[in-house]
Amino acid sequence: MMRVLPALALALAVLALAWAGPADGAARCGARHGRAHGCRVAKKRTPVTPVAVRLLPGSQASVEVPALPLPGGQTIIGTGVTEAVPLSGSLGGSVVGAVKLGNDIPVSLTKANIVPGAVDILHDPSCAGATTLRIDPASVVTIDPAHATKALLGFKSATATATAYVKLRLAFDSRMSLACDAPLTPTGYADTPFAVKVSGKVGPKGLLGLALTSAPTPVTIGVCLTPGTPTKPCTDAPAGYPVKIALQLQVTISLNTKA
C-alpha cells in the first residue's frame, strides 16, 4: 500500500498542476484598476479536464457459452465452451470540478470505441473442430447513451471502480449448412445493451498500468443468423444466446488528454 500511494499521488499532482491557472480575475482587477475604472470581472468557470482510457495488450473478455438446447434433446453445435476474446481500443470522458490531493476523483465516461478480436466462438466437434461461428471484424463496443457510465479513482483506498453501460454491436460470420467444408457467411449486426462492474487495485505503476476485472456477468446477446452486411443491421429478428462475460482489462488512464 505504501508503494501504491506515491504513484497515485504523483498522477493526481500532475492533474492538479494542469488545472492551476493565474490568480482569480476579480482579485487582479480590483488590485490594478478597481471598479471605478470599469474593469470587467471574469466569471469563474468550473474546470473540466478530459480523461482518456486506453486498453493495453492482454485485455480480454472471457465469454462462457453454455450448452444451448434444441428440440429433441440435442444442443446447438459447439456450445458448452468458454472462449477468450481480445479487446483493444479506448474510452473517453472527463472530470468535472477541481481535484484535491487526498480526495476521490469521480470520472464520467461518455464515449468508447472498443474492438473485439475476430476469434472463433463455436466449433463443430464432428468436423475436426471446424469453425461454425466467428466474430466479424466489423463488431464494436460503444457507450450506451441511455445510461451514465461513472468511474471512481479512490485515493485512500488505492482502488479504481466503474459501472459501465455499453452497447455490444456484434456481427458474426456463420456456417449456414451442416457440411464440414461449408464457408462462413457474414451476417448483419445486432445490438445488445450490457452493464458490467469492474474494479481493481492501483499498483506501483499508478494509472499507467491498471488491472481491472469483473465477475462473470450474464447477458443474452443478439446473434444475427441471416446473411448480410456486417456494418448494417440484421434484416431479421436476431436469435438470443445467453452467455456470461468476464472482463480482464489492462488499461492506462491519461488525465488532461482526449481519447
Protein backbone atom coordinates (compact mmCIF):
# COMPACT_ATOMS: atom_id res chain seq x y z
CA MET A 1 0.00 0.00 0.00
CA MET A 2 2.88 2.39 0.83
CA ARG A 3 4.31 1.83 -2.67
CA VAL A 4 0.95 2.43 -4.30
CA LEU A 5 0.04 5.78 -2.76
CA PRO A 6 3.07 7.71 -4.12
CA ALA A 7 2.26 6.55 -7.67
CA LEU A 8 -1.35 7.62 -7.36
CA ALA A 9 -0.39 10.87 -5.63
CA LEU A 10 2.01 11.73 -8.45
CA ALA A 11 -0.70 11.20 -11.06
CA LEU A 12 -3.11 13.40 -9.13
CA ALA A 13 -0.46 16.08 -8.62
CA VAL A 14 0.06 16.29 -12.37
CA LEU A 15 -3.67 16.74 -12.82
CA ALA A 16 -3.79 19.44 -10.16
CA LEU A 17 -0.97 21.34 -11.87
CA ALA A 18 -2.81 21.11 -15.18
CA TRP A 19 -5.74 22.83 -13.56
CA ALA A 20 -3.65 25.50 -11.85
CA GLY A 21 -4.11 28.88 -13.53
CA PRO A 22 -3.44 32.54 -12.86
CA ALA A 23 -4.83 34.25 -9.82
CA ASP A 24 -8.51 34.99 -9.57
CA GLY A 25 -9.60 37.51 -12.19
CA ALA A 26 -11.61 39.55 -9.71
CA ALA A 27 -8.64 39.93 -7.36
CA ARG A 28 -6.33 41.07 -10.19
CA CYS A 29 -8.92 43.52 -11.50
CA GLY A 30 -9.55 45.07 -8.10
CA ALA A 31 -5.86 45.38 -7.23
CA ARG A 32 -4.82 47.02 -10.53
CA HIS A 33 -7.77 49.04 -11.68
CA GLY A 34 -10.71 48.88 -9.31
CA ARG A 35 -14.33 49.01 -10.24
CA ALA A 36 -14.18 52.75 -10.78
CA HIS A 37 -12.21 52.17 -13.97
CA GLY A 38 -14.91 49.93 -15.42
CA CYS A 39 -12.86 46.76 -15.04
CA ARG A 40 -14.83 43.68 -16.04
CA VAL A 41 -14.62 40.85 -13.55
CA ALA A 42 -14.27 37.47 -15.25
CA LYS A 43 -16.65 34.82 -14.04
CA LYS A 44 -15.16 31.69 -12.58
CA ARG A 45 -15.70 28.63 -14.71
CA THR A 46 -15.92 25.11 -13.38
CA PRO A 47 -12.80 23.26 -14.55
CA VAL A 48 -13.42 20.31 -16.84
CA THR A 49 -10.50 18.05 -17.62
CA PRO A 50 -10.61 15.38 -20.35
CA VAL A 51 -9.73 11.81 -19.45
CA ALA A 52 -8.59 9.08 -21.82
CA VAL A 53 -8.59 5.36 -21.02
CA ARG A 54 -6.63 3.10 -23.36
CA LEU A 55 -6.81 -0.68 -23.34
CA LEU A 56 -3.38 -2.30 -23.26
CA PRO A 57 -2.31 -5.64 -24.80
CA GLY A 58 -3.61 -8.52 -22.72
CA SER A 59 -7.09 -7.05 -22.27
CA GLN A 60 -9.75 -9.64 -22.98
CA ALA A 61 -13.28 -10.84 -22.36
CA SER A 62 -13.87 -14.43 -21.30
CA VAL A 63 -17.15 -15.49 -22.93
CA GLU A 64 -18.86 -18.55 -21.46
CA VAL A 65 -21.37 -20.10 -23.86
CA PRO A 66 -23.43 -22.81 -22.13
CA ALA A 67 -24.80 -25.84 -23.92
CA LEU A 68 -27.87 -24.41 -25.67
CA PRO A 69 -30.65 -26.98 -26.05
CA LEU A 70 -32.57 -27.73 -29.24
CA PRO A 71 -35.86 -29.62 -29.64
CA GLY A 72 -35.36 -33.37 -29.43
CA GLY A 73 -32.71 -33.26 -26.70
CA GLN A 74 -29.86 -32.04 -28.89
CA THR A 75 -27.79 -28.90 -28.37
CA ILE A 76 -26.55 -26.19 -30.71
CA ILE A 77 -23.33 -27.43 -32.27
CA GLY A 78 -20.24 -26.26 -30.44
CA THR A 79 -21.94 -24.75 -27.38
CA GLY A 80 -20.76 -25.51 -23.89
CA VAL A 81 -17.45 -23.65 -24.24
CA THR A 82 -15.55 -20.65 -22.89
CA GLU A 83 -13.54 -18.52 -25.31
CA ALA A 84 -11.14 -15.62 -24.70
CA VAL A 85 -11.82 -12.59 -26.91
CA PRO A 86 -9.01 -9.99 -27.13
CA LEU A 87 -10.11 -6.39 -26.69
CA SER A 88 -8.47 -3.19 -27.96
CA GLY A 89 -9.46 0.45 -28.18
CA SER A 90 -10.17 3.35 -25.86
CA LEU A 91 -12.73 5.24 -23.79
CA GLY A 92 -13.05 8.96 -23.19
CA GLY A 93 -14.69 11.22 -20.68
CA SER A 94 -13.98 13.98 -18.20
CA VAL A 95 -13.59 15.05 -14.60
CA VAL A 96 -15.80 17.99 -13.66
CA GLY A 97 -14.65 20.22 -10.82
CA ALA A 98 -11.38 20.84 -9.03
CA VAL A 99 -9.20 17.94 -7.95
CA LYS A 100 -7.74 17.93 -4.46
CA LEU A 101 -4.96 15.58 -3.47
CA GLY A 102 -6.25 13.04 -0.99
CA ASN A 103 -9.80 13.12 -2.34
CA ASP A 104 -11.50 10.58 -4.56
CA ILE A 105 -11.91 11.56 -8.22
CA PRO A 106 -15.24 10.89 -10.00
CA VAL A 107 -14.93 10.36 -13.76
CA SER A 108 -17.75 10.45 -16.30
CA LEU A 109 -17.15 8.28 -19.38
CA THR A 110 -19.10 9.40 -22.43
CA LYS A 111 -17.57 7.60 -25.40
CA ALA A 112 -15.89 4.32 -26.26
CA ASN A 113 -14.52 2.54 -29.28
CA ILE A 114 -13.59 -0.98 -28.22
CA VAL A 115 -12.94 -3.63 -30.85
CA PRO A 116 -13.29 -7.34 -30.03
CA GLY A 117 -10.87 -9.64 -31.81
CA ALA A 118 -12.17 -11.69 -34.75
CA VAL A 119 -11.90 -15.02 -32.93
CA ASP A 120 -13.74 -18.30 -33.39
CA ILE A 121 -16.51 -18.80 -30.86
CA LEU A 122 -18.13 -22.12 -31.83
CA HIS A 123 -16.66 -25.24 -33.44
CA ASP A 124 -18.11 -28.46 -34.81
CA PRO A 125 -16.56 -31.44 -32.98
CA SER A 126 -17.86 -33.85 -35.64
CA CYS A 127 -15.93 -31.91 -38.32
CA ALA A 128 -12.50 -31.97 -36.66
CA GLY A 129 -13.30 -28.72 -34.86
CA ALA A 130 -14.27 -26.73 -37.96
CA THR A 131 -15.43 -23.22 -37.06
CA THR A 132 -19.17 -22.61 -37.13
CA LEU A 133 -19.34 -19.11 -35.61
CA ARG A 134 -16.72 -16.33 -35.65
CA ILE A 135 -16.82 -12.70 -34.52
CA ASP A 136 -16.74 -10.42 -37.56
CA PRO A 137 -14.12 -7.60 -37.57
CA ALA A 138 -16.91 -5.04 -38.00
CA SER A 139 -18.03 -5.65 -34.40
CA VAL A 140 -17.56 -2.79 -31.94
CA VAL A 141 -18.44 -1.84 -28.36
CA THR A 142 -19.60 1.72 -27.59
CA ILE A 143 -21.04 3.61 -24.63
CA ASP A 144 -24.79 3.20 -24.21
CA PRO A 145 -26.11 6.80 -24.28
CA ALA A 146 -29.25 5.76 -22.42
CA HIS A 147 -27.28 5.42 -19.18
CA ALA A 148 -24.50 7.30 -17.40
CA THR A 149 -21.20 5.44 -17.11
CA LYS A 150 -19.32 6.50 -14.00
CA ALA A 151 -15.89 5.63 -12.65
CA LEU A 152 -14.20 6.49 -9.36
CA LEU A 153 -10.47 6.78 -8.66
CA GLY A 154 -10.16 6.19 -4.92
CA PHE A 155 -7.14 7.89 -3.34
CA LYS A 156 -7.12 6.48 0.20
CA SER A 157 -8.36 3.05 -0.85
CA ALA A 158 -5.98 2.97 -3.85
CA THR A 159 -8.76 1.44 -5.95
CA ALA A 160 -10.47 2.16 -9.23
CA THR A 161 -14.09 1.16 -9.85
CA ALA A 162 -16.57 1.69 -12.67
CA THR A 163 -20.08 0.71 -13.65
CA ALA A 164 -20.09 0.67 -17.43
CA TYR A 165 -23.18 0.72 -19.61
CA VAL A 166 -22.18 -0.26 -23.12
CA LYS A 167 -23.71 -1.36 -26.39
CA LEU A 168 -22.39 -4.57 -27.93
CA ARG A 169 -22.74 -4.19 -31.69
CA LEU A 170 -21.84 -7.72 -32.76
CA ALA A 171 -21.73 -9.19 -36.23
CA PHE A 172 -20.76 -12.80 -36.89
CA ASP A 173 -19.54 -14.99 -39.71
CA SER A 174 -21.61 -18.16 -39.52
CA ARG A 175 -21.65 -21.58 -41.17
CA MET A 176 -25.03 -21.80 -42.83
CA SER A 177 -25.12 -25.57 -43.52
CA LEU A 178 -24.09 -28.82 -41.85
CA ALA A 179 -21.38 -29.55 -44.41
CA CYS A 180 -17.98 -29.57 -42.75
CA ASP A 181 -16.37 -27.64 -45.58
CA ALA A 182 -19.12 -25.02 -45.86
CA PRO A 183 -17.69 -21.46 -45.83
CA LEU A 184 -18.51 -18.91 -43.18
CA THR A 185 -21.08 -16.36 -44.35
CA PRO A 186 -21.14 -12.77 -42.99
CA THR A 187 -24.31 -11.60 -41.29
CA GLY A 188 -25.73 -8.24 -40.27
CA TYR A 189 -25.15 -6.89 -36.78
CA ALA A 190 -27.35 -6.93 -33.69
CA ASP A 191 -27.11 -4.52 -30.74
CA THR A 192 -27.12 -5.76 -27.17
CA PRO A 193 -27.11 -3.50 -24.08
CA PHE A 194 -24.67 -4.70 -21.44
CA ALA A 195 -24.00 -3.39 -17.94
CA VAL A 196 -20.88 -4.52 -16.09
CA LYS A 197 -18.98 -3.52 -12.95
CA VAL A 198 -15.18 -3.54 -12.99
CA SER A 199 -12.71 -2.82 -10.22
CA GLY A 200 -9.03 -3.06 -9.43
CA LYS A 201 -6.24 -2.02 -7.10
CA VAL A 202 -3.85 0.74 -8.11
CA GLY A 203 -0.38 -0.80 -8.28
CA PRO A 204 3.16 0.63 -8.36
CA LYS A 205 2.61 1.93 -11.92
CA GLY A 206 -0.28 4.09 -10.77
CA LEU A 207 -2.66 4.98 -13.57
CA LEU A 208 -0.18 3.93 -16.26
CA GLY A 209 -0.78 0.22 -15.76
CA LEU A 210 -4.04 -0.59 -14.03
CA ALA A 211 -5.64 -4.04 -13.91
CA LEU A 212 -9.46 -4.09 -13.86
CA THR A 213 -11.61 -7.20 -13.67
CA SER A 214 -15.28 -8.12 -13.47
CA ALA A 215 -17.23 -11.10 -12.22
CA PRO A 216 -18.88 -13.30 -14.89
CA THR A 217 -21.92 -11.25 -15.86
CA PRO A 218 -24.93 -12.85 -17.59
CA VAL A 219 -26.29 -11.26 -20.75
CA THR A 220 -28.34 -12.50 -23.69
CA ILE A 221 -26.53 -11.37 -26.82
CA GLY A 222 -28.26 -10.89 -30.14
CA VAL A 223 -26.89 -13.12 -32.91
CA CYS A 224 -27.97 -12.47 -36.48
CA LEU A 225 -28.45 -15.72 -38.41
CA THR A 226 -29.34 -14.06 -41.72
CA PRO A 227 -26.70 -13.43 -44.40
CA GLY A 228 -26.00 -9.74 -44.77
CA THR A 229 -23.53 -6.89 -44.50
CA PRO A 230 -21.73 -6.79 -41.11
CA THR A 231 -21.90 -2.98 -40.99
CA LYS A 232 -25.69 -2.98 -41.41
CA PRO A 233 -28.46 -4.17 -39.07
CA CYS A 234 -29.74 -7.72 -39.23
CA THR A 235 -32.63 -7.96 -41.69
CA ASP A 236 -34.47 -10.48 -39.47
CA ALA A 237 -35.01 -10.72 -35.74
CA PRO A 238 -31.73 -11.95 -34.19
CA ALA A 239 -31.57 -15.07 -32.04
CA GLY A 240 -30.76 -14.67 -28.35
CA TYR A 241 -27.73 -16.54 -26.97
CA PRO A 242 -27.47 -16.46 -23.14
CA VAL A 243 -23.79 -16.13 -22.18
CA LYS A 244 -21.64 -14.92 -19.30
CA ILE A 245 -18.92 -12.33 -19.90
CA ALA A 246 -16.00 -11.72 -17.54
CA LEU A 247 -13.55 -8.89 -18.24
CA GLN A 248 -9.81 -8.90 -17.60
CA LEU A 249 -8.52 -5.47 -18.59
CA GLN A 250 -5.13 -3.80 -18.57
CA VAL A 251 -5.53 -0.04 -19.01
CA THR A 252 -3.69 3.24 -18.84
CA ILE A 253 -5.56 6.35 -17.72
CA SER A 254 -4.34 9.70 -19.04
CA LEU A 255 -5.52 12.88 -17.35
CA ASN A 256 -5.88 16.11 -19.32
CA THR A 257 -5.80 14.07 -22.55
CA LYS A 258 -8.60 13.50 -25.06
CA ALA A 259 -9.32 9.94 -26.19
